[in-house]
Amino acid sequence: MDDCTFCRIAAGTEPASVLFEDERTIAFLDTQPAVTGHSLVVPREHEVELLTAESSTTEAVFRTVRTVASALETAFKPDGFSVFHSTDNLVGTVEHAHVHLVPRYETDDVSLSRHGFDDEEAATVTGSKRLENGRRVSDTAGYTVPEEQVVSYGLL
């Protein structure tokens, strides 16, 4: 797509600090990093959403996340990583699926504000996962969660 920045980066027509690329994915430095080494991993083909993309696309993206994380581990020796993907309107200004790979350090100020929850909130959240007709939970690709996982996670 000509109007997509990440598609242009993948095609080589938009400049980026590329860390890794293969036939299916490309990884490059975020232009507004939370910390040094903050990277984005994207599929080369335009996808708006990783969670509904072909499973092979999602798998390729996360293989690249592992590859880049290993390289960043060697280069920067972080204390760990945060890896996240946002969907829909939370994606930001680029509507092309991407995963943030953020090296983390005990001294960094990167934060995801959190709050505790009580048993009632937990029951509401786990209850919302149940399907009204009582069938097992399935994703859009047709994968059915094995019965033992459904039971152990309280999804049914």
C-alpha atoms as a PDB file:
ATOM      1  CA  MET A   1       0.000   0.000   0.000  1.00  0.00           C
ATOM      2  CA  ASP A   2       1.487   3.312  -1.089  1.00  0.00           C
ATOM      3  CA  ASP A   3      -0.098   5.208   1.802  1.00  0.00           C
ATOM      4  CA  CYS A   4       1.350   2.888   4.481  1.00  0.00           C
ATOM      5  CA  THR A   5       4.686   3.892   6.013  1.00  0.00           C
ATOM      6  CA  PHE A   6       5.521   0.340   7.089  1.00  0.00           C
ATOM      7  CA  CYS A   7       4.735  -1.054   3.625  1.00  0.00           C
ATOM      8  CA  ARG A   8       7.113   1.527   2.148  1.00  0.00           C
ATOM      9  CA  ILE A   9       9.804   0.561   4.674  1.00  0.00           C
ATOM     10  CA  ALA A  10       9.299  -3.121   3.794  1.00  0.00           C
ATOM     11  CA  ALA A  11       9.586  -2.260   0.084  1.00  0.00           C
ATOM     12  CA  GLY A  12      12.764  -0.243   0.676  1.00  0.00           C
ATOM     13  CA  THR A  13      11.269   3.037  -0.534  1.00  0.00           C
ATOM     14  CA  GLU A  14      11.096   4.646   2.936  1.00  0.00           C
ATOM     15  CA  PRO A  15      14.242   4.996   5.043  1.00  0.00           C
ATOM     16  CA  ALA A  16      14.533   3.021   8.267  1.00  0.00           C
ATOM     17  CA  SER A  17      17.257   1.676  10.539  1.00  0.00           C
ATOM     18  CA  VAL A  18      16.769  -1.966   9.599  1.00  0.00           C
ATOM     19  CA  LEU A  19      17.977  -4.571  12.075  1.00  0.00           C
ATOM     20  CA  PHE A  20      16.814  -7.739  10.327  1.00  0.00           C
ATOM     21  CA  GLU A  21      14.782  -8.806   7.341  1.00  0.00           C
ATOM     22  CA  ASP A  22      13.701 -12.000   5.663  1.00  0.00           C
ATOM     23  CA  GLU A  23      11.119 -12.945   3.031  1.00  0.00           C
ATOM     24  CA  ARG A  24       8.137 -12.467   5.374  1.00  0.00           C
ATOM     25  CA  THR A  25       9.196  -9.817   7.902  1.00  0.00           C
ATOM     26  CA  ILE A  26      11.327  -6.786   8.577  1.00  0.00           C
ATOM     27  CA  ALA A  27      12.551  -5.367  11.903  1.00  0.00           C
ATOM     28  CA  PHE A  28      13.722  -1.796  12.378  1.00  0.00           C
ATOM     29  CA  LEU A  29      14.326   0.737  15.126  1.00  0.00           C
ATOM     30  CA  ASP A  30      11.334   2.697  16.390  1.00  0.00           C
ATOM     31  CA  THR A  31      11.739   6.394  15.498  1.00  0.00           C
ATOM     32  CA  GLN A  32      10.300   7.357  18.892  1.00  0.00           C
ATOM     33  CA  PRO A  33      11.922   4.763  21.151  1.00  0.00           C
ATOM     34  CA  ALA A  34      11.067   4.215  24.796  1.00  0.00           C
ATOM     35  CA  VAL A  35      14.688   3.059  25.299  1.00  0.00           C
ATOM     36  CA  THR A  36      17.740   2.397  23.131  1.00  0.00           C
ATOM     37  CA  GLY A  37      17.095  -0.638  20.952  1.00  0.00           C
ATOM     38  CA  HIS A  38      13.268  -0.277  20.947  1.00  0.00           C
ATOM     39  CA  SER A  39      12.389  -2.077  17.731  1.00  0.00           C
ATOM     40  CA  LEU A  40       9.355  -2.819  15.603  1.00  0.00           C
ATOM     41  CA  VAL A  41       8.788  -6.116  13.814  1.00  0.00           C
ATOM     42  CA  VAL A  42       6.276  -6.071  10.966  1.00  0.00           C
ATOM     43  CA  PRO A  43       5.048  -8.433   8.292  1.00  0.00           C
ATOM     44  CA  ARG A  44       6.145  -7.378   4.807  1.00  0.00           C
ATOM     45  CA  GLU A  45       2.613  -7.866   3.466  1.00  0.00           C
ATOM     46  CA  HIS A  46       0.141  -5.258   4.651  1.00  0.00           C
ATOM     47  CA  GLU A  47      -1.806  -6.615   7.606  1.00  0.00           C
ATOM     48  CA  VAL A  48      -3.873  -4.431   9.891  1.00  0.00           C
ATOM     49  CA  GLU A  49      -4.171  -7.036  12.655  1.00  0.00           C
ATOM     50  CA  LEU A  50      -1.831  -9.857  13.694  1.00  0.00           C
ATOM     51  CA  LEU A  51      -4.479 -11.675  15.700  1.00  0.00           C
ATOM     52  CA  THR A  52      -6.626 -12.272  12.615  1.00  0.00           C
ATOM     53  CA  ALA A  53      -3.823 -12.653  10.064  1.00  0.00           C
ATOM     54  CA  GLU A  54      -2.889 -16.040   8.628  1.00  0.00           C
ATOM     55  CA  SER A  55      -1.180 -18.029  11.383  1.00  0.00           C
ATOM     56  CA  SER A  56       1.936 -18.360   9.201  1.00  0.00           C
ATOM     57  CA  THR A  57       2.227 -14.558   9.145  1.00  0.00           C
ATOM     58  CA  THR A  58       1.921 -14.258  12.910  1.00  0.00           C
ATOM     59  CA  GLU A  59       4.407 -17.101  13.392  1.00  0.00           C
ATOM     60  CA  ALA A  60       6.901 -15.430  11.040  1.00  0.00           C
ATOM     61  CA  VAL A  61       6.618 -12.142  12.933  1.00  0.00           C
ATOM     62  CA  PHE A  62       7.263 -13.803  16.285  1.00  0.00           C
ATOM     63  CA  ARG A  63      10.187 -15.836  14.896  1.00  0.00           C
ATOM     64  CA  THR A  64      11.698 -12.509  13.908  1.00  0.00           C
ATOM     65  CA  VAL A  65      10.949 -11.106  17.370  1.00  0.00           C
ATOM     66  CA  ARG A  66      13.015 -13.990  18.820  1.00  0.00           C
ATOM     67  CA  THR A  67      15.855 -13.411  16.341  1.00  0.00           C
ATOM     68  CA  VAL A  68      16.030  -9.673  16.997  1.00  0.00           C
ATOM     69  CA  ALA A  69      15.705 -10.137  20.771  1.00  0.00           C
ATOM     70  CA  SER A  70      18.693 -12.465  20.686  1.00  0.00           C
ATOM     71  CA  ALA A  71      20.741  -9.889  18.763  1.00  0.00           C
ATOM     72  CA  LEU A  72      19.691  -7.078  21.108  1.00  0.00           C
ATOM     73  CA  GLU A  73      20.536  -9.299  24.087  1.00  0.00           C
ATOM     74  CA  THR A  74      24.061  -9.720  22.749  1.00  0.00           C
ATOM     75  CA  ALA A  75      24.479  -6.050  21.855  1.00  0.00           C
ATOM     76  CA  PHE A  76      22.936  -4.325  24.873  1.00  0.00           C
ATOM     77  CA  LYS A  77      22.722  -6.903  27.691  1.00  0.00           C
ATOM     78  CA  PRO A  78      19.288  -5.731  28.898  1.00  0.00           C
ATOM     79  CA  ASP A  79      17.734  -7.109  32.072  1.00  0.00           C
ATOM     80  CA  GLY A  80      14.798  -8.378  30.011  1.00  0.00           C
ATOM     81  CA  PHE A  81      12.326  -7.441  27.281  1.00  0.00           C
ATOM     82  CA  SER A  82       8.772  -6.189  26.955  1.00  0.00           C
ATOM     83  CA  VAL A  83       7.017  -7.451  23.844  1.00  0.00           C
ATOM     84  CA  PHE A  84       3.611  -6.128  22.887  1.00  0.00           C
ATOM     85  CA  HIS A  85       1.132  -5.707  20.082  1.00  0.00           C
ATOM     86  CA  SER A  86      -1.801  -3.294  20.126  1.00  0.00           C
ATOM     87  CA  THR A  87      -4.957  -3.663  18.065  1.00  0.00           C
ATOM     88  CA  ASP A  88      -7.569  -1.476  16.400  1.00  0.00           C
ATOM     89  CA  ASN A  89      -7.512   2.202  17.378  1.00  0.00           C
ATOM     90  CA  LEU A  90      -4.739   1.559  19.897  1.00  0.00           C
ATOM     91  CA  VAL A  91      -2.219   0.877  17.135  1.00  0.00           C
ATOM     92  CA  GLY A  92      -1.303   4.543  16.737  1.00  0.00           C
ATOM     93  CA  THR A  93      -0.701   6.416  13.518  1.00  0.00           C
ATOM     94  CA  VAL A  94       0.305   3.419  11.357  1.00  0.00           C
ATOM     95  CA  GLU A  95      -2.415   0.901  10.521  1.00  0.00           C
ATOM     96  CA  HIS A  96      -0.003  -1.933   9.768  1.00  0.00           C
ATOM     97  CA  ALA A  97       0.361  -4.778  12.247  1.00  0.00           C
ATOM     98  CA  HIS A  98       3.532  -4.549  14.303  1.00  0.00           C
ATOM     99  CA  VAL A  99       5.121  -5.861  17.454  1.00  0.00           C
ATOM    100  CA  HIS A 100       7.125  -3.646  19.788  1.00  0.00           C
ATOM    101  CA  LEU A 101      10.283  -5.248  21.149  1.00  0.00           C
ATOM    102  CA  VAL A 102      11.573  -3.133  24.019  1.00  0.00           C
ATOM    103  CA  PRO A 103      14.815  -3.959  25.833  1.00  0.00           C
ATOM    104  CA  ARG A 104      14.245  -3.389  29.544  1.00  0.00           C
ATOM    105  CA  TYR A 105      16.587  -2.288  32.306  1.00  0.00           C
ATOM    106  CA  GLU A 106      15.997  -2.109  36.035  1.00  0.00           C
ATOM    107  CA  THR A 107      16.764   1.610  35.834  1.00  0.00           C
ATOM    108  CA  ASP A 108      14.494   2.478  32.869  1.00  0.00           C
ATOM    109  CA  ASP A 109      11.333   4.500  33.324  1.00  0.00           C
ATOM    110  CA  VAL A 110       9.196   2.448  30.939  1.00  0.00           C
ATOM    111  CA  SER A 111       5.888   1.722  32.619  1.00  0.00           C
ATOM    112  CA  LEU A 112       2.573   0.063  32.033  1.00  0.00           C
ATOM    113  CA  SER A 113       0.318   1.342  34.775  1.00  0.00           C
ATOM    114  CA  ARG A 114      -1.366  -1.505  36.596  1.00  0.00           C
ATOM    115  CA  HIS A 115      -3.998  -2.003  39.239  1.00  0.00           C
ATOM    116  CA  GLY A 116      -5.054  -4.893  41.404  1.00  0.00           C
ATOM    117  CA  PHE A 117      -8.390  -6.595  41.034  1.00  0.00           C
ATOM    118  CA  ASP A 118     -10.707  -8.380  43.397  1.00  0.00           C
ATOM    119  CA  ASP A 119     -12.471 -11.730  43.100  1.00  0.00           C
ATOM    120  CA  GLU A 120     -15.596 -10.115  41.628  1.00  0.00           C
ATOM    121  CA  GLU A 121     -13.613  -8.488  38.809  1.00  0.00           C
ATOM    122  CA  ALA A 122     -11.785 -11.768  38.156  1.00  0.00           C
ATOM    123  CA  ALA A 123     -15.118 -13.607  37.938  1.00  0.00           C
ATOM    124  CA  THR A 124     -16.457 -10.998  35.504  1.00  0.00           C
ATOM    125  CA  VAL A 125     -13.397 -11.276  33.251  1.00  0.00           C
ATOM    126  CA  THR A 126     -13.284 -15.074  33.243  1.00  0.00           C
ATOM    127  CA  GLY A 127     -17.054 -15.227  32.801  1.00  0.00           C
ATOM    128  CA  SER A 128     -16.866 -12.978  29.724  1.00  0.00           C
ATOM    129  CA  LYS A 129     -14.760 -15.623  27.995  1.00  0.00           C
ATOM    130  CA  ARG A 130     -17.628 -18.122  28.042  1.00  0.00           C
ATOM    131  CA  LEU A 131     -19.739 -18.536  24.975  1.00  0.00           C
ATOM    132  CA  GLU A 132     -23.462 -18.300  25.518  1.00  0.00           C
ATOM    133  CA  ASN A 133     -24.140 -21.655  23.883  1.00  0.00           C
ATOM    134  CA  GLY A 134     -21.518 -23.433  26.013  1.00  0.00           C
ATOM    135  CA  ARG A 135     -19.231 -24.464  23.150  1.00  0.00           C
ATOM    136  CA  ARG A 136     -15.485 -24.423  23.508  1.00  0.00           C
ATOM    137  CA  VAL A 137     -13.608 -21.183  22.840  1.00  0.00           C
ATOM    138  CA  SER A 138     -12.223 -20.881  19.275  1.00  0.00           C
ATOM    139  CA  ASP A 139     -10.198 -18.183  17.590  1.00  0.00           C
ATOM    140  CA  THR A 140     -10.854 -16.759  14.126  1.00  0.00           C
ATOM    141  CA  ALA A 141      -8.411 -19.185  12.487  1.00  0.00           C
ATOM    142  CA  GLY A 142     -10.525 -22.121  13.671  1.00  0.00           C
ATOM    143  CA  TYR A 143      -8.170 -23.344  16.393  1.00  0.00           C
ATOM    144  CA  THR A 144     -10.134 -24.856  19.244  1.00  0.00           C
ATOM    145  CA  VAL A 145      -8.663 -24.622  22.714  1.00  0.00           C
ATOM    146  CA  PRO A 146      -8.186 -28.160  24.084  1.00  0.00           C
ATOM    147  CA  GLU A 147     -10.835 -29.095  26.646  1.00  0.00           C
ATOM    148  CA  GLU A 148      -8.287 -29.499  29.454  1.00  0.00           C
ATOM    149  CA  GLN A 149      -7.057 -25.918  28.908  1.00  0.00           C
ATOM    150  CA  VAL A 150     -10.589 -24.570  28.771  1.00  0.00           C
ATOM    151  CA  VAL A 151     -11.373 -26.197  32.087  1.00  0.00           C
ATOM    152  CA  SER A 152      -8.073 -25.266  33.755  1.00  0.00           C
ATOM    153  CA  TYR A 153      -8.417 -21.610  32.756  1.00  0.00           C
ATOM    154  CA  GLY A 154     -12.076 -21.468  33.770  1.00  0.00           C
ATOM    155  CA  LEU A 155     -13.266 -20.586  30.273  1.00  0.00           C
ATOM    156  CA  LEU A 156     -16.265 -22.901  30.445  1.00  0.00           C
END
